[in-house]
Amino acid sequence: MKHDNIIIGKIKSCHKWTGYLLVTLVSSDYLRFFALRYVLIDVFGDLRKFYIEELSYDKKDIYVKFLNFDNPDDIDFLIGKDIYINSSCKSVLSADEHLVSDLIGCSVYRGKNFVGKIINVLSFPANDVYVVENNQNKEILIPAVKKIIKKIDTIKKRLDLSEDFEFSDD
């Protein structure tokens, strides 16, 4: 999270010669992006509004064109930038959906045993993977699947694993 804003994606590259950008989203629900009028992007240390002129998608890729940005020269400086929305614009998530920004820092437990803290979330086609750092500063990869994740409480910053889940932390 940056200021009181939530990261929703990252600009990967230019697409087409008409000012479209390829965006990788943090959320798996790309349809939420279509409800936005504008997004926020950090430009020289200030978050600025970029109004969405057009959106399209192809399989899992989102393409966005910002108003008044019409060619690769106009948008080249945006490549690699994160895209944010104000937290007040956060759409309602289903019970089993969580923002990455809410998961980072959650303490992970297996039963009463502390496993570590979530430091990153990796997105893969099959499922996300939580990167958990234990007390010895070693990373443990935990698949984000219902069979393994028993409960997530982002308010209390706690994630409980199924006690059946076996992992190596050496």
Protein backbone atom coordinates (compact mmCIF):
# COMPACT_ATOMS: atom_id res chain seq x y z
CA MET A 1 0.00 0.00 0.00
CA LYS A 2 1.23 3.48 -0.78
CA HIS A 3 -0.22 6.25 1.39
CA ASP A 4 -3.89 5.32 1.81
CA ASN A 5 -3.98 3.55 -1.53
CA ILE A 6 -4.07 -0.05 -2.68
CA ILE A 7 -1.94 -1.51 -5.42
CA ILE A 8 -4.05 -3.26 -8.06
CA GLY A 9 -1.56 -3.92 -10.84
CA LYS A 10 1.67 -3.19 -12.64
CA ILE A 11 2.26 -1.79 -16.12
CA LYS A 12 4.31 -4.34 -18.07
CA SER A 13 4.74 -2.93 -21.58
CA CYS A 14 3.35 -0.92 -24.49
CA HIS A 15 0.79 -2.66 -26.63
CA LYS A 16 -0.13 -1.47 -30.10
CA TRP A 17 0.87 1.89 -31.52
CA THR A 18 -2.23 3.65 -30.23
CA GLY A 19 -1.23 4.15 -26.60
CA TYR A 20 -2.41 0.90 -25.01
CA LEU A 21 -0.51 -0.58 -22.07
CA LEU A 22 -0.35 -4.20 -20.97
CA VAL A 23 -1.21 -4.43 -17.26
CA THR A 24 -0.69 -7.34 -14.90
CA LEU A 25 -3.31 -7.27 -12.15
CA VAL A 26 -2.80 -8.23 -8.53
CA SER A 27 -6.38 -9.50 -8.27
CA SER A 28 -7.57 -12.47 -10.29
CA ASP A 29 -10.87 -10.68 -10.91
CA TYR A 30 -10.03 -8.52 -13.93
CA LEU A 31 -13.68 -7.44 -14.32
CA ARG A 32 -13.31 -5.12 -11.32
CA PHE A 33 -10.91 -3.04 -13.38
CA PHE A 34 -13.74 -2.22 -15.78
CA ALA A 35 -15.66 -0.40 -13.03
CA LEU A 36 -12.91 2.20 -12.56
CA ARG A 37 -12.97 5.70 -14.06
CA TYR A 38 -9.37 6.42 -13.16
CA VAL A 39 -6.33 4.93 -11.45
CA LEU A 40 -3.41 6.45 -9.55
CA ILE A 41 0.20 6.17 -10.69
CA ASP A 42 3.31 7.49 -8.95
CA VAL A 43 4.92 10.09 -11.21
CA PHE A 44 8.04 11.72 -9.78
CA GLY A 45 6.94 11.08 -6.19
CA ASP A 46 3.32 12.24 -6.58
CA LEU A 47 0.34 10.00 -7.13
CA ARG A 48 -1.50 11.33 -10.16
CA LYS A 49 -4.86 10.43 -11.64
CA PHE A 50 -4.88 8.75 -15.02
CA TYR A 51 -8.34 8.60 -16.56
CA ILE A 52 -9.20 5.40 -18.36
CA GLU A 53 -10.33 5.96 -21.94
CA GLU A 54 -10.60 2.31 -23.02
CA LEU A 55 -10.05 -1.16 -21.63
CA SER A 56 -9.86 -4.53 -23.28
CA TYR A 57 -8.81 -7.99 -22.29
CA ASP A 58 -7.56 -11.11 -23.97
CA LYS A 59 -7.55 -14.26 -21.88
CA LYS A 60 -5.72 -13.08 -18.74
CA ASP A 61 -4.22 -9.86 -20.09
CA ILE A 62 -5.69 -6.41 -19.50
CA TYR A 63 -4.97 -3.58 -21.90
CA VAL A 64 -5.63 -0.01 -20.82
CA LYS A 65 -5.55 3.23 -22.74
CA PHE A 66 -5.42 6.44 -20.73
CA LEU A 67 -7.13 9.61 -21.90
CA ASN A 68 -4.80 11.87 -23.97
CA PHE A 69 -2.01 9.26 -24.12
CA ASP A 70 -2.10 8.20 -27.75
CA ASN A 71 1.24 6.66 -28.75
CA PRO A 72 4.20 4.79 -27.27
CA ASP A 73 6.17 8.03 -26.78
CA ASP A 74 3.40 9.36 -24.51
CA ILE A 75 3.31 6.26 -22.29
CA ASP A 76 6.85 4.90 -22.30
CA PHE A 77 7.62 6.50 -18.91
CA LEU A 78 4.78 4.46 -17.31
CA ILE A 79 6.28 1.04 -18.03
CA GLY A 80 7.20 -0.72 -14.78
CA LYS A 81 5.01 1.55 -12.64
CA ASP A 82 2.51 0.22 -10.11
CA ILE A 83 -1.17 1.12 -10.46
CA TYR A 84 -3.13 2.11 -7.35
CA ILE A 85 -6.69 2.91 -6.36
CA ASN A 86 -7.80 4.85 -3.31
CA SER A 87 -8.79 2.47 -0.51
CA SER A 88 -12.27 4.06 -0.48
CA CYS A 89 -12.75 2.65 -4.01
CA LYS A 90 -12.02 -0.90 -2.85
CA SER A 91 -14.74 -3.17 -4.11
CA VAL A 92 -16.32 -5.77 -1.87
CA LEU A 93 -14.37 -8.99 -1.93
CA SER A 94 -15.86 -12.42 -1.55
CA ALA A 95 -15.09 -14.35 1.64
CA ASP A 96 -12.16 -16.20 0.07
CA GLU A 97 -10.57 -13.19 -1.68
CA HIS A 98 -7.96 -10.94 -0.10
CA LEU A 99 -5.85 -8.07 -1.32
CA VAL A 100 -2.13 -8.75 -1.40
CA SER A 101 -1.57 -5.58 0.62
CA ASP A 102 -3.81 -7.00 3.38
CA LEU A 103 -1.96 -10.35 3.43
CA ILE A 104 1.57 -8.95 3.67
CA GLY A 105 2.63 -8.97 7.32
CA CYS A 106 0.09 -11.58 8.44
CA SER A 107 1.40 -14.00 11.05
CA VAL A 108 1.07 -17.62 9.95
CA TYR A 109 0.23 -20.38 12.44
CA ARG A 110 -0.10 -24.15 12.20
CA GLY A 111 -2.13 -25.02 15.25
CA LYS A 112 -0.52 -23.08 18.11
CA ASN A 113 2.88 -23.03 16.42
CA PHE A 114 4.08 -19.79 14.83
CA VAL A 115 5.38 -20.48 11.31
CA GLY A 116 6.38 -16.98 10.22
CA LYS A 117 5.09 -13.85 8.49
CA ILE A 118 3.88 -13.40 4.93
CA ILE A 119 6.40 -11.26 3.05
CA ASN A 120 5.15 -11.74 -0.51
CA VAL A 121 2.43 -13.32 -2.62
CA LEU A 122 3.32 -14.97 -5.91
CA SER A 123 0.62 -15.37 -8.56
CA PHE A 124 0.50 -18.46 -10.73
CA PRO A 125 -2.21 -19.75 -13.08
CA ALA A 126 -3.23 -22.59 -10.74
CA ASN A 127 -3.16 -20.63 -7.48
CA ASP A 128 -1.28 -18.00 -5.51
CA VAL A 129 1.63 -18.94 -3.27
CA TYR A 130 2.33 -17.21 0.03
CA VAL A 131 6.00 -16.53 0.75
CA VAL A 132 6.45 -16.82 4.50
CA GLU A 133 9.62 -15.84 6.32
CA ASN A 134 10.28 -17.84 9.51
CA ASN A 135 12.28 -16.80 12.59
CA GLN A 136 15.50 -18.02 10.96
CA ASN A 137 14.92 -15.68 7.97
CA LYS A 138 14.23 -18.67 5.70
CA GLU A 139 11.42 -18.58 3.17
CA ILE A 140 8.63 -21.14 3.19
CA LEU A 141 6.31 -21.38 0.19
CA ILE A 142 2.69 -22.15 1.03
CA PRO A 143 0.12 -22.76 -1.72
CA ALA A 144 -2.99 -20.61 -1.26
CA VAL A 145 -5.54 -23.40 -1.57
CA LYS A 146 -8.54 -24.15 0.64
CA LYS A 147 -7.18 -27.57 1.62
CA ILE A 148 -4.16 -25.89 3.26
CA ILE A 149 -5.45 -22.48 4.36
CA LYS A 150 -7.87 -22.94 7.23
CA LYS A 151 -8.64 -19.30 8.04
CA ILE A 152 -7.46 -15.80 7.12
CA ASP A 153 -8.20 -12.80 9.31
CA THR A 154 -6.72 -9.70 7.71
CA ILE A 155 -8.00 -7.49 10.53
CA LYS A 156 -6.02 -9.46 13.14
CA LYS A 157 -3.26 -10.08 10.54
CA ARG A 158 -3.40 -13.85 11.11
CA LEU A 159 -3.47 -16.85 8.79
CA ASP A 160 -4.14 -20.35 10.13
CA LEU A 161 -2.93 -23.42 8.26
CA SER A 162 -4.51 -26.84 8.32
CA GLU A 163 -2.70 -28.99 10.86
CA ASP A 164 -2.56 -31.73 8.19
CA PHE A 165 -0.32 -29.54 6.03
CA GLU A 166 3.29 -30.72 6.15
CA PHE A 167 6.15 -28.48 5.07
CA SER A 168 9.88 -28.37 5.48
CA ASP A 169 11.25 -25.35 7.30
CA ASP A 170 14.90 -26.37 7.44
